[in-house]
Structure formats: structure tokens, C-alpha cells
Amino acid sequence: MFAYLEGMLADKRPTAVVIDCGGVGYDVAVPMSTFDKLSAVGKPQKLWIHPSYADDGLRLFGFATLDERNLFRLLIAVSGIGPKLALAALSGLSVSDLTGAIANADVTLISQVPGIGKKTAERLIIDLRDKLAPFAASRDTTLGGVPLTSVHDEAEAALLTLGYSLQSVRKAWKKLLGDTEYADAQTLVKATIKAFYKKR
């Protein structure tokens, strides 16, 4: 129904904004990660939208980037995580920090978000850690001081397709990338799989 709204920013508050599109004002809930990127009131603004239908009617959630919206959608698909808690997670942690915490099973960091306890954080990690490939560009671009390039991105995508978790891949790479440079993704994939078998 809605992909995005583009118009004039008529009003903004830390939890919601009003976008004027052709004389119609849309009330849109936003996380702090989006609020920090907003234009000044009276200036043009575009927000990527997620519509939600509830007993009290249609609610719109807006995001400055597609990564924010996509992560929001993953979060609300987890049992026990509703839109309010998903907004809190994106308000407390950036996309990069949150996806990194999920990938690295950092329960402590995720639990710092108000409303998310240890059990909910563990559920987020279990449900989402293998679904984070689209957010690779949003995470840190180095691993142990080694810059991550398109070679690493291709290798990571291939390994995730083969069923390996992002957490296990990154753990193996902490040693592999410190010892050797890999000219192509295929060589890195083979070396990573070999490292997994050595642990068995």
C-alpha cells in the first residue's frame, strides 16, 4: 500500500513526524535513528514507510533508510517483538550496532534496549542471526583491523547460502584474515570451510 512518503516536513517530535503530501498530513511514527537524520521543519522530506493495521486503525512507521525499515520488519516478525519495541531497539542502537550485536550474539548489548530483557535478546539472536546478509554493508567494514572488501562480501554470501551462520563465519575469519590475503571469494570460501572441519 505504502512504499514511501515524500513531501514537506510539517512537524517533528522525537517519536513521530507529520509529512505534508499534497495538502494531506500523514502522522508517522519514527525511531531516533531516523529522527536524527530528518530535515528541518518546512523542508522536503522522504521516508520509507511500513504500514501496520491494528484494531484502532492504520498506523504508519517511517524510516530514513531502507536498512532501517528492513530491520524493523525483521524485528517485528520475532515472537514477542511488536512495533513499539522494534522502534525502541532502533532508537537505542544503530542498524550497524544492532545487526552486529545479533551476529556476534551480544546479549548484553541488546539487553540495554529498554523493554528487551535477556530472554528476548536471546530470541532475537536465534531468530535473526542467519538473516542479516542484506545488512552486511551497514556493519563494520573491518574485522580485526583487516578491511572487508567485495571479495569478503561474496564469500560471506556464499557461506550463508551453504548454511553457515554469520557468527561462525566471522569467528573463523578473525584468524584466517590475519594470516593470509585472499584474492578471490572462492579461495576464501574453501579456506573457511576447511577451518570449520579442523575444529571437528
N, C-alpha and C. Protein backbone atom coordinates (compact mmCIF):
# COMPACT_ATOMS: atom_id res chain seq x y z
N MET A 1 0.82 -1.21 0.00
CA MET A 1 0.00 0.00 0.00
C MET A 1 0.85 1.26 0.00
N PHE A 2 1.79 1.35 0.96
CA PHE A 2 2.71 2.47 1.01
C PHE A 2 4.13 1.94 0.83
N ALA A 3 4.91 2.59 -0.02
CA ALA A 3 6.34 2.29 -0.11
C ALA A 3 7.12 3.41 0.56
N TYR A 4 6.78 4.64 0.22
CA TYR A 4 7.40 5.79 0.89
C TYR A 4 6.47 6.98 0.80
N LEU A 5 6.74 7.97 1.62
CA LEU A 5 6.05 9.26 1.56
C LEU A 5 7.09 10.32 1.29
N GLU A 6 6.79 11.22 0.38
CA GLU A 6 7.70 12.31 0.06
C GLU A 6 6.90 13.61 -0.01
N GLY A 7 7.28 14.55 0.80
CA GLY A 7 6.57 15.82 0.84
C GLY A 7 7.31 16.81 1.71
N MET A 8 6.57 17.66 2.40
CA MET A 8 7.18 18.66 3.28
C MET A 8 7.07 18.19 4.72
N LEU A 9 8.14 18.36 5.46
CA LEU A 9 8.13 18.02 6.88
C LEU A 9 7.38 19.13 7.63
N ALA A 10 6.14 18.84 8.02
CA ALA A 10 5.29 19.85 8.65
C ALA A 10 5.53 19.95 10.15
N ASP A 11 5.95 18.83 10.77
CA ASP A 11 6.18 18.83 12.22
C ASP A 11 7.07 17.65 12.55
N LYS A 12 7.86 17.77 13.60
CA LYS A 12 8.66 16.63 14.03
C LYS A 12 8.82 16.63 15.55
N ARG A 13 8.71 15.44 16.10
CA ARG A 13 8.92 15.19 17.51
C ARG A 13 9.79 13.95 17.61
N PRO A 14 10.42 13.69 18.76
CA PRO A 14 11.32 12.54 18.85
C PRO A 14 10.69 11.19 18.48
N THR A 15 9.38 11.06 18.61
CA THR A 15 8.75 9.77 18.32
C THR A 15 7.87 9.77 17.09
N ALA A 16 7.60 10.95 16.51
CA ALA A 16 6.69 11.00 15.37
C ALA A 16 6.90 12.27 14.56
N VAL A 17 6.51 12.20 13.29
CA VAL A 17 6.59 13.37 12.41
C VAL A 17 5.30 13.47 11.62
N VAL A 18 5.09 14.64 11.02
CA VAL A 18 3.96 14.83 10.11
C VAL A 18 4.54 15.23 8.75
N ILE A 19 4.21 14.44 7.73
CA ILE A 19 4.65 14.71 6.37
C ILE A 19 3.45 15.24 5.58
N ASP A 20 3.58 16.43 5.04
CA ASP A 20 2.52 17.02 4.22
C ASP A 20 2.75 16.62 2.76
N CYS A 21 1.85 15.79 2.26
CA CYS A 21 1.94 15.34 0.86
C CYS A 21 0.71 15.86 0.10
N GLY A 22 0.91 16.92 -0.64
CA GLY A 22 -0.18 17.48 -1.43
C GLY A 22 -1.34 17.98 -0.60
N GLY A 23 -1.05 18.53 0.57
CA GLY A 23 -2.11 19.07 1.42
C GLY A 23 -2.70 18.09 2.40
N VAL A 24 -2.22 16.84 2.39
CA VAL A 24 -2.67 15.82 3.35
C VAL A 24 -1.51 15.53 4.32
N GLY A 25 -1.78 15.67 5.60
CA GLY A 25 -0.75 15.45 6.60
C GLY A 25 -0.77 14.01 7.10
N TYR A 26 0.34 13.31 6.94
CA TYR A 26 0.44 11.92 7.41
C TYR A 26 1.24 11.88 8.71
N ASP A 27 0.63 11.32 9.75
CA ASP A 27 1.29 11.17 11.05
C ASP A 27 2.09 9.87 11.02
N VAL A 28 3.39 9.97 11.19
CA VAL A 28 4.27 8.81 11.02
C VAL A 28 5.15 8.63 12.26
N ALA A 29 5.10 7.44 12.84
CA ALA A 29 5.97 7.12 13.97
C ALA A 29 7.37 6.83 13.46
N VAL A 30 8.40 7.33 14.15
CA VAL A 30 9.79 7.13 13.72
C VAL A 30 10.68 6.78 14.90
N PRO A 31 11.75 6.03 14.67
CA PRO A 31 12.74 5.78 15.71
C PRO A 31 13.73 6.95 15.78
N MET A 32 14.52 6.99 16.84
CA MET A 32 15.50 8.07 16.97
C MET A 32 16.56 8.01 15.87
N SER A 33 16.84 6.82 15.37
CA SER A 33 17.83 6.69 14.29
C SER A 33 17.39 7.49 13.06
N THR A 34 16.08 7.57 12.84
CA THR A 34 15.53 8.36 11.74
C THR A 34 15.39 9.82 12.13
N PHE A 35 14.93 10.07 13.35
CA PHE A 35 14.74 11.45 13.81
C PHE A 35 16.02 12.26 13.66
N ASP A 36 17.15 11.63 13.95
CA ASP A 36 18.45 12.33 13.88
C ASP A 36 18.83 12.72 12.45
N LYS A 37 18.17 12.09 11.46
CA LYS A 37 18.51 12.36 10.05
C LYS A 37 17.49 13.27 9.37
N LEU A 38 16.47 13.72 10.09
CA LEU A 38 15.39 14.49 9.47
C LEU A 38 15.83 15.86 9.00
N SER A 39 15.13 16.36 7.98
CA SER A 39 15.32 17.74 7.52
C SER A 39 14.72 18.69 8.55
N ALA A 40 14.93 19.97 8.33
CA ALA A 40 14.29 20.98 9.18
C ALA A 40 12.81 21.07 8.81
N VAL A 41 11.98 21.47 9.78
CA VAL A 41 10.56 21.65 9.52
C VAL A 41 10.38 22.67 8.39
N GLY A 42 9.51 22.33 7.44
CA GLY A 42 9.29 23.19 6.29
C GLY A 42 10.11 22.81 5.07
N LYS A 43 11.00 21.84 5.24
CA LYS A 43 11.86 21.38 4.15
C LYS A 43 11.34 20.05 3.58
N PRO A 44 11.76 19.70 2.36
CA PRO A 44 11.34 18.42 1.77
C PRO A 44 11.86 17.24 2.59
N GLN A 45 11.05 16.19 2.65
CA GLN A 45 11.43 15.00 3.41
C GLN A 45 10.85 13.76 2.76
N LYS A 46 11.67 12.71 2.69
CA LYS A 46 11.21 11.42 2.19
C LYS A 46 11.43 10.37 3.27
N LEU A 47 10.44 9.55 3.51
CA LEU A 47 10.56 8.47 4.49
C LEU A 47 10.06 7.17 3.87
N TRP A 48 10.80 6.10 4.10
CA TRP A 48 10.35 4.76 3.69
C TRP A 48 9.33 4.29 4.72
N ILE A 49 8.23 3.75 4.26
CA ILE A 49 7.08 3.50 5.12
C ILE A 49 6.79 2.01 5.30
N HIS A 50 6.44 1.67 6.54
CA HIS A 50 5.86 0.35 6.84
C HIS A 50 4.48 0.60 7.43
N PRO A 51 3.41 0.18 6.74
CA PRO A 51 2.06 0.34 7.30
C PRO A 51 1.70 -0.84 8.20
N SER A 52 0.98 -0.55 9.27
CA SER A 52 0.57 -1.60 10.20
C SER A 52 -0.91 -1.44 10.49
N TYR A 53 -1.63 -2.53 10.40
CA TYR A 53 -3.08 -2.49 10.61
C TYR A 53 -3.41 -3.08 11.97
N ALA A 54 -4.09 -2.30 12.81
CA ALA A 54 -4.48 -2.74 14.14
C ALA A 54 -5.95 -2.45 14.37
N ASP A 55 -6.44 -2.84 15.54
CA ASP A 55 -7.85 -2.63 15.85
C ASP A 55 -8.23 -1.15 15.83
N ASP A 56 -7.25 -0.29 16.16
CA ASP A 56 -7.54 1.14 16.20
C ASP A 56 -7.27 1.84 14.87
N GLY A 57 -7.01 1.06 13.83
CA GLY A 57 -6.83 1.64 12.50
C GLY A 57 -5.43 1.47 11.93
N LEU A 58 -5.15 2.22 10.88
CA LEU A 58 -3.87 2.14 10.19
C LEU A 58 -2.83 3.00 10.90
N ARG A 59 -1.65 2.44 11.12
CA ARG A 59 -0.53 3.18 11.67
C ARG A 59 0.62 3.14 10.67
N LEU A 60 1.33 4.25 10.54
CA LEU A 60 2.46 4.34 9.63
C LEU A 60 3.75 4.49 10.41
N PHE A 61 4.75 3.70 10.03
CA PHE A 61 6.08 3.79 10.63
C PHE A 61 7.05 4.22 9.53
N GLY A 62 7.85 5.24 9.82
CA GLY A 62 8.72 5.80 8.80
C GLY A 62 10.19 5.68 9.14
N PHE A 63 11.01 5.57 8.09
CA PHE A 63 12.44 5.34 8.27
C PHE A 63 13.24 6.11 7.23
N ALA A 64 14.38 6.63 7.65
CA ALA A 64 15.21 7.43 6.76
C ALA A 64 15.90 6.57 5.71
N THR A 65 16.16 5.30 6.03
CA THR A 65 16.85 4.41 5.09
C THR A 65 16.09 3.09 4.94
N LEU A 66 16.35 2.42 3.83
CA LEU A 66 15.74 1.10 3.62
C LEU A 66 16.27 0.08 4.62
N ASP A 67 17.53 0.20 5.02
CA ASP A 67 18.07 -0.72 6.01
C ASP A 67 17.29 -0.63 7.32
N GLU A 68 16.95 0.60 7.74
CA GLU A 68 16.18 0.75 8.96
C GLU A 68 14.81 0.08 8.84
N ARG A 69 14.14 0.33 7.71
CA ARG A 69 12.82 -0.28 7.52
C ARG A 69 12.91 -1.80 7.45
N ASN A 70 13.89 -2.31 6.73
CA ASN A 70 14.02 -3.75 6.58
C ASN A 70 14.34 -4.44 7.91
N LEU A 71 15.17 -3.80 8.71
CA LEU A 71 15.49 -4.36 10.02
C LEU A 71 14.26 -4.31 10.93
N PHE A 72 13.51 -3.22 10.87
CA PHE A 72 12.26 -3.10 11.62
C PHE A 72 11.34 -4.27 11.28
N ARG A 73 11.22 -4.59 10.00
CA ARG A 73 10.34 -5.68 9.58
C ARG A 73 10.83 -7.03 10.08
N LEU A 74 12.14 -7.22 10.13
CA LEU A 74 12.66 -8.46 10.70
C LEU A 74 12.37 -8.54 12.19
N LEU A 75 12.53 -7.42 12.87
CA LEU A 75 12.32 -7.39 14.32
C LEU A 75 10.87 -7.73 14.69
N ILE A 76 9.91 -7.13 13.99
CA ILE A 76 8.51 -7.36 14.37
C ILE A 76 8.03 -8.76 13.97
N ALA A 77 8.82 -9.47 13.17
CA ALA A 77 8.48 -10.84 12.82
C ALA A 77 8.88 -11.82 13.93
N VAL A 78 9.66 -11.34 14.90
CA VAL A 78 10.10 -12.18 16.01
C VAL A 78 9.00 -12.20 17.08
N SER A 79 8.70 -13.37 17.59
CA SER A 79 7.68 -13.51 18.62
C SER A 79 8.00 -12.64 19.83
N GLY A 80 7.02 -11.85 20.26
CA GLY A 80 7.22 -11.01 21.43
C GLY A 80 7.74 -9.61 21.13
N ILE A 81 8.06 -9.35 19.84
CA ILE A 81 8.57 -8.03 19.45
C ILE A 81 7.49 -7.33 18.61
N GLY A 82 6.89 -6.32 19.17
CA GLY A 82 5.90 -5.54 18.44
C GLY A 82 6.53 -4.27 17.89
N PRO A 83 5.75 -3.47 17.18
CA PRO A 83 6.28 -2.22 16.60
C PRO A 83 6.91 -1.29 17.63
N LYS A 84 6.30 -1.16 18.81
CA LYS A 84 6.81 -0.26 19.84
C LYS A 84 8.21 -0.68 20.29
N LEU A 85 8.40 -1.98 20.51
CA LEU A 85 9.70 -2.48 20.96
C LEU A 85 10.72 -2.41 19.83
N ALA A 86 10.28 -2.65 18.59
CA ALA A 86 11.19 -2.56 17.45
C ALA A 86 11.68 -1.12 17.28
N LEU A 87 10.80 -0.14 17.47
CA LEU A 87 11.21 1.27 17.41
C LEU A 87 12.20 1.58 18.52
N ALA A 88 11.96 1.01 19.70
CA ALA A 88 12.88 1.24 20.83
C ALA A 88 14.26 0.68 20.52
N ALA A 89 14.30 -0.48 19.86
CA ALA A 89 15.59 -1.09 19.51
C ALA A 89 16.34 -0.21 18.52
N LEU A 90 15.63 0.34 17.53
CA LEU A 90 16.27 1.20 16.53
C LEU A 90 16.56 2.59 17.09
N SER A 91 15.92 2.93 18.18
CA SER A 91 16.22 4.21 18.84
C SER A 91 17.45 4.09 19.73
N GLY A 92 17.63 2.89 20.30
CA GLY A 92 18.75 2.70 21.22
C GLY A 92 20.05 2.29 20.55
N LEU A 93 19.94 1.63 19.38
CA LEU A 93 21.12 1.14 18.68
C LEU A 93 21.00 1.45 17.19
N SER A 94 22.10 1.76 16.55
CA SER A 94 22.10 1.96 15.10
C SER A 94 21.90 0.61 14.41
N VAL A 95 21.56 0.65 13.12
CA VAL A 95 21.43 -0.58 12.34
C VAL A 95 22.72 -1.39 12.42
N SER A 96 23.85 -0.72 12.28
CA SER A 96 25.15 -1.39 12.32
C SER A 96 25.39 -2.05 13.68
N ASP A 97 25.11 -1.30 14.76
CA ASP A 97 25.36 -1.84 16.10
C ASP A 97 24.41 -2.99 16.41
N LEU A 98 23.15 -2.85 16.03
CA LEU A 98 22.17 -3.89 16.35
C LEU A 98 22.42 -5.16 15.55
N THR A 99 22.66 -5.03 14.25
CA THR A 99 22.94 -6.23 13.45
C THR A 99 24.26 -6.87 13.88
N GLY A 100 25.23 -6.05 14.24
CA GLY A 100 26.49 -6.59 14.74
C GLY A 100 26.31 -7.34 16.04
N ALA A 101 25.48 -6.79 16.93
CA ALA A 101 25.23 -7.44 18.22
C ALA A 101 24.50 -8.78 18.02
N ILE A 102 23.56 -8.80 17.09
CA ILE A 102 22.84 -10.05 16.80
C ILE A 102 23.80 -11.07 16.19
N ALA A 103 24.61 -10.64 15.24
CA ALA A 103 25.56 -11.55 14.57
C ALA A 103 26.57 -12.12 15.55
N ASN A 104 26.98 -11.31 16.53
CA ASN A 104 28.01 -11.73 17.49
C ASN A 104 27.43 -12.27 18.79
N ALA A 105 26.09 -12.46 18.81
CA ALA A 105 25.40 -13.00 19.99
C ALA A 105 25.71 -12.18 21.24
N ASP A 106 25.69 -10.87 21.10
CA ASP A 106 25.99 -9.97 22.21
C ASP A 106 24.70 -9.66 22.98
N VAL A 107 24.34 -10.58 23.87
CA VAL A 107 23.11 -10.45 24.65
C VAL A 107 23.14 -9.20 25.52
N THR A 108 24.31 -8.91 26.08
CA THR A 108 24.44 -7.77 26.98
C THR A 108 24.09 -6.46 26.30
N LEU A 109 24.62 -6.25 25.09
CA LEU A 109 24.36 -5.00 24.38
C LEU A 109 22.88 -4.89 23.98
N ILE A 110 22.31 -5.96 23.46
CA ILE A 110 20.91 -5.93 23.04
C ILE A 110 20.00 -5.69 24.25
N SER A 111 20.36 -6.27 25.39
CA SER A 111 19.54 -6.14 26.59
C SER A 111 19.54 -4.72 27.16
N GLN A 112 20.41 -3.86 26.65
CA GLN A 112 20.44 -2.48 27.12
C GLN A 112 19.26 -1.67 26.57
N VAL A 113 18.60 -2.19 25.54
CA VAL A 113 17.43 -1.52 24.99
C VAL A 113 16.28 -1.64 25.98
N PRO A 114 15.66 -0.54 26.38
CA PRO A 114 14.53 -0.61 27.31
C PRO A 114 13.42 -1.52 26.80
N GLY A 115 13.00 -2.45 27.65
CA GLY A 115 11.93 -3.36 27.26
C GLY A 115 12.41 -4.70 26.74
N ILE A 116 13.71 -4.79 26.43
CA ILE A 116 14.27 -6.05 25.93
C ILE A 116 15.13 -6.68 27.03
N GLY A 117 14.66 -7.78 27.57
CA GLY A 117 15.41 -8.50 28.59
C GLY A 117 16.31 -9.55 27.98
N LYS A 118 16.94 -10.32 28.83
CA LYS A 118 17.90 -11.33 28.37
C LYS A 118 17.23 -12.37 27.48
N LYS A 119 16.05 -12.85 27.88
CA LYS A 119 15.38 -13.90 27.10
C LYS A 119 14.96 -13.40 25.72
N THR A 120 14.46 -12.16 25.67
CA THR A 120 14.06 -11.60 24.38
C THR A 120 15.26 -11.37 23.49
N ALA A 121 16.37 -10.92 24.08
CA ALA A 121 17.61 -10.72 23.33
C ALA A 121 18.10 -12.04 22.74
N GLU A 122 18.03 -13.10 23.53
CA GLU A 122 18.46 -14.42 23.06
C GLU A 122 17.56 -14.90 21.91
N ARG A 123 16.25 -14.60 22.01
CA ARG A 123 15.32 -14.99 20.95
C ARG A 123 15.63 -14.23 19.66
N LEU A 124 15.95 -12.94 19.78
CA LEU A 124 16.33 -12.15 18.61
C LEU A 124 17.54 -12.75 17.91
N ILE A 125 18.52 -13.12 18.69
CA ILE A 125 19.75 -13.68 18.13
C ILE A 125 19.46 -15.00 17.40
N ILE A 126 18.70 -15.87 18.03
CA ILE A 126 18.38 -17.18 17.43
C ILE A 126 17.60 -17.02 16.14
N ASP A 127 16.61 -16.11 16.16
CA ASP A 127 15.72 -15.96 15.00
C ASP A 127 16.34 -15.18 13.85
N LEU A 128 17.25 -14.24 14.15
CA LEU A 128 17.70 -13.31 13.12
C LEU A 128 19.15 -13.43 12.67
N ARG A 129 19.97 -14.14 13.42
CA ARG A 129 21.41 -14.08 13.10
C ARG A 129 21.75 -14.63 11.72
N ASP A 130 20.90 -15.50 11.16
CA ASP A 130 21.17 -16.03 9.83
C ASP A 130 20.41 -15.28 8.74
N LYS A 131 19.82 -14.15 9.09
CA LYS A 131 19.03 -13.38 8.13
C LYS A 131 19.62 -12.00 7.89
N LEU A 132 20.89 -11.82 8.24
CA LEU A 132 21.49 -10.49 8.23
C LEU A 132 22.35 -10.18 7.02
N ALA A 133 22.42 -11.09 6.05
CA ALA A 133 23.28 -10.85 4.89
C ALA A 133 22.98 -9.52 4.19
N PRO A 134 21.69 -9.12 4.05
CA PRO A 134 21.42 -7.84 3.37
C PRO A 134 21.98 -6.62 4.10
N PHE A 135 22.35 -6.79 5.37
CA PHE A 135 22.84 -5.66 6.15
C PHE A 135 24.36 -5.63 6.24
N ALA A 136 25.03 -6.48 5.45
CA ALA A 136 26.49 -6.57 5.53
C ALA A 136 27.15 -5.22 5.31
N ALA A 137 26.61 -4.43 4.38
CA ALA A 137 27.22 -3.12 4.08
C ALA A 137 27.04 -2.14 5.22
N SER A 138 26.06 -2.40 6.11
CA SER A 138 25.81 -1.49 7.21
C SER A 138 26.67 -1.80 8.42
N ARG A 139 27.25 -3.00 8.45
CA ARG A 139 28.07 -3.36 9.60
C ARG A 139 29.48 -2.82 9.41
N ASP A 140 30.32 -3.05 10.42
CA ASP A 140 31.70 -2.56 10.38
C ASP A 140 32.39 -3.06 9.12
N THR A 141 33.20 -2.24 8.51
CA THR A 141 33.88 -2.62 7.27
C THR A 141 35.28 -3.15 7.54
N THR A 142 35.58 -3.45 8.80
CA THR A 142 36.86 -4.09 9.13
C THR A 142 36.59 -5.24 10.08
N LEU A 143 37.50 -6.18 10.10
CA LEU A 143 37.42 -7.31 11.03
C LEU A 143 38.83 -7.56 11.55
N GLY A 144 39.02 -7.27 12.82
CA GLY A 144 40.36 -7.43 13.39
C GLY A 144 41.38 -6.53 12.74
N GLY A 145 40.93 -5.36 12.26
CA GLY A 145 41.85 -4.42 11.63
C GLY A 145 42.04 -4.65 10.14
N VAL A 146 41.44 -5.74 9.61
CA VAL A 146 41.56 -6.05 8.18
C VAL A 146 40.36 -5.48 7.44
N PRO A 147 40.57 -4.62 6.43
CA PRO A 147 39.43 -4.05 5.68
C PRO A 147 38.66 -5.15 4.95
N LEU A 148 37.33 -5.10 5.02
CA LEU A 148 36.50 -6.07 4.31
C LEU A 148 36.13 -5.51 2.94
N THR A 149 36.33 -6.29 1.89
CA THR A 149 36.13 -5.85 0.52
C THR A 149 35.01 -6.65 -0.14
N SER A 150 34.82 -6.43 -1.43
CA SER A 150 33.81 -7.18 -2.18
C SER A 150 34.12 -8.67 -2.19
N VAL A 151 35.40 -9.04 -2.10
CA VAL A 151 35.78 -10.46 -2.02
C VAL A 151 35.16 -11.08 -0.78
N HIS A 152 35.26 -10.38 0.35
CA HIS A 152 34.70 -10.88 1.59
C HIS A 152 33.17 -10.92 1.53
N ASP A 153 32.58 -9.92 0.91
CA ASP A 153 31.11 -9.88 0.78
C ASP A 153 30.61 -11.08 -0.02
N GLU A 154 31.29 -11.38 -1.13
CA GLU A 154 30.89 -12.51 -1.98
C GLU A 154 31.06 -13.83 -1.23
N ALA A 155 32.17 -13.95 -0.54
CA ALA A 155 32.44 -15.18 0.22
C ALA A 155 31.42 -15.36 1.34
N GLU A 156 31.11 -14.27 2.02
CA GLU A 156 30.14 -14.32 3.11
C GLU A 156 28.77 -14.76 2.60
N ALA A 157 28.34 -14.19 1.49
CA ALA A 157 27.04 -14.55 0.91
C ALA A 157 27.01 -16.03 0.53
N ALA A 158 28.10 -16.53 -0.05
CA ALA A 158 28.18 -17.93 -0.46
C ALA A 158 28.11 -18.86 0.75
N LEU A 159 28.82 -18.50 1.81
CA LEU A 159 28.84 -19.33 3.01
C LEU A 159 27.49 -19.35 3.71
N LEU A 160 26.80 -18.20 3.72
CA LEU A 160 25.47 -18.15 4.31
C LEU A 160 24.49 -19.01 3.51
N THR A 161 24.66 -19.01 2.18
CA THR A 161 23.82 -19.84 1.32
C THR A 161 24.06 -21.32 1.59
N LEU A 162 25.28 -21.66 1.93
CA LEU A 162 25.63 -23.05 2.24
C LEU A 162 25.14 -23.49 3.62
N GLY A 163 24.62 -22.55 4.39
CA GLY A 163 24.04 -22.91 5.68
C GLY A 163 24.85 -22.54 6.90
N TYR A 164 26.02 -21.91 6.69
CA TYR A 164 26.83 -21.50 7.83
C TYR A 164 26.27 -20.19 8.40
N SER A 165 26.38 -20.02 9.70
CA SER A 165 25.87 -18.80 10.32
C SER A 165 26.88 -17.68 10.18
N LEU A 166 26.38 -16.45 10.18
CA LEU A 166 27.25 -15.29 10.07
C LEU A 166 28.23 -15.24 11.24
N GLN A 167 27.76 -15.61 12.42
CA GLN A 167 28.61 -15.59 13.60
C GLN A 167 29.80 -16.54 13.44
N SER A 168 29.55 -17.77 12.96
CA SER A 168 30.63 -18.74 12.81
C SER A 168 31.61 -18.33 11.71
N VAL A 169 31.08 -17.72 10.64
CA VAL A 169 31.95 -17.25 9.55
C VAL A 169 32.89 -16.17 10.05
N ARG A 170 32.33 -15.16 10.73
CA ARG A 170 33.16 -14.07 11.22
C ARG A 170 34.18 -14.54 12.26
N LYS A 171 33.79 -15.52 13.06
CA LYS A 171 34.72 -16.07 14.06
C LYS A 171 35.90 -16.75 13.38
N ALA A 172 35.62 -17.51 12.33
CA ALA A 172 36.70 -18.18 11.59
C ALA A 172 37.59 -17.17 10.89
N TRP A 173 36.99 -16.10 10.39
CA TRP A 173 37.76 -15.10 9.66
C TRP A 173 38.72 -14.31 10.54
N LYS A 174 38.43 -14.21 11.82
CA LYS A 174 39.30 -13.44 12.70
C LYS A 174 40.73 -13.99 12.64
N LYS A 175 40.86 -15.30 12.45
CA LYS A 175 42.19 -15.90 12.32
C LYS A 175 42.64 -15.95 10.86
N LEU A 176 41.73 -16.36 9.98
CA LEU A 176 42.09 -16.52 8.57
C LEU A 176 42.56 -15.21 7.94
N LEU A 177 41.85 -14.12 8.20
CA LEU A 177 42.17 -12.85 7.55
C LEU A 177 43.43 -12.22 8.13
N GLY A 178 43.80 -12.66 9.31
CA GLY A 178 45.02 -12.12 9.90
C GLY A 178 46.27 -12.82 9.39
N ASP A 179 46.08 -14.03 8.86
CA ASP A 179 47.22 -14.83 8.40
C ASP A 179 47.50 -14.71 6.91
N THR A 180 46.45 -14.54 6.11
CA THR A 180 46.60 -14.62 4.65
C THR A 180 45.70 -13.60 3.95
N GLU A 181 46.15 -13.14 2.78
CA GLU A 181 45.29 -12.31 1.93
C GLU A 181 44.66 -13.22 0.88
N TYR A 182 43.37 -12.98 0.60
CA TYR A 182 42.65 -13.82 -0.35
C TYR A 182 42.25 -12.98 -1.56
N ALA A 183 42.69 -13.44 -2.73
CA ALA A 183 42.49 -12.67 -3.95
C ALA A 183 41.09 -12.82 -4.52
N ASP A 184 40.41 -13.93 -4.18
CA ASP A 184 39.07 -14.14 -4.72
C ASP A 184 38.20 -14.84 -3.68
N ALA A 185 36.88 -14.73 -3.88
CA ALA A 185 35.91 -15.25 -2.92
C ALA A 185 35.97 -16.78 -2.82
N GLN A 186 36.20 -17.45 -3.96
CA GLN A 186 36.22 -18.91 -3.97
C GLN A 186 37.31 -19.46 -3.05
N THR A 187 38.48 -18.85 -3.10
CA THR A 187 39.59 -19.30 -2.26
C THR A 187 39.26 -19.09 -0.79
N LEU A 188 38.65 -17.96 -0.47
CA LEU A 188 38.29 -17.67 0.93
C LEU A 188 37.21 -18.62 1.42
N VAL A 189 36.24 -18.94 0.56
CA VAL A 189 35.19 -19.88 0.94
C VAL A 189 35.79 -21.25 1.27
N LYS A 190 36.69 -21.73 0.42
CA LYS A 190 37.33 -23.03 0.65
C LYS A 190 38.13 -23.03 1.94
N ALA A 191 38.87 -21.95 2.18
CA ALA A 191 39.68 -21.85 3.39
C ALA A 191 38.81 -21.81 4.64
N THR A 192 37.67 -21.14 4.55
CA THR A 192 36.76 -21.04 5.69
C THR A 192 36.15 -22.40 6.01
N ILE A 193 35.70 -23.11 4.98
CA ILE A 193 35.11 -24.44 5.18
C ILE A 193 36.16 -25.39 5.77
N LYS A 194 37.39 -25.29 5.27
CA LYS A 194 38.47 -26.12 5.80
C LYS A 194 38.70 -25.83 7.28
N ALA A 195 38.61 -24.55 7.65
CA ALA A 195 38.77 -24.18 9.06
C ALA A 195 37.68 -24.76 9.93
N PHE A 196 36.45 -24.84 9.39
CA PHE A 196 35.36 -25.43 10.14
C PHE A 196 35.62 -26.91 10.41
N TYR A 197 36.11 -27.63 9.37
CA TYR A 197 36.35 -29.05 9.53
C TYR A 197 37.50 -29.34 10.50
N LYS A 198 38.46 -28.44 10.58
CA LYS A 198 39.59 -28.63 11.50
C LYS A 198 39.12 -28.63 12.95
N LYS A 199 38.01 -27.90 13.21
CA LYS A 199 37.51 -27.79 14.58
C LYS A 199 36.78 -29.05 15.03
N ARG A 200 36.39 -29.89 14.07
CA ARG A 200 35.62 -31.08 14.40
C ARG A 200 36.51 -32.21 14.92
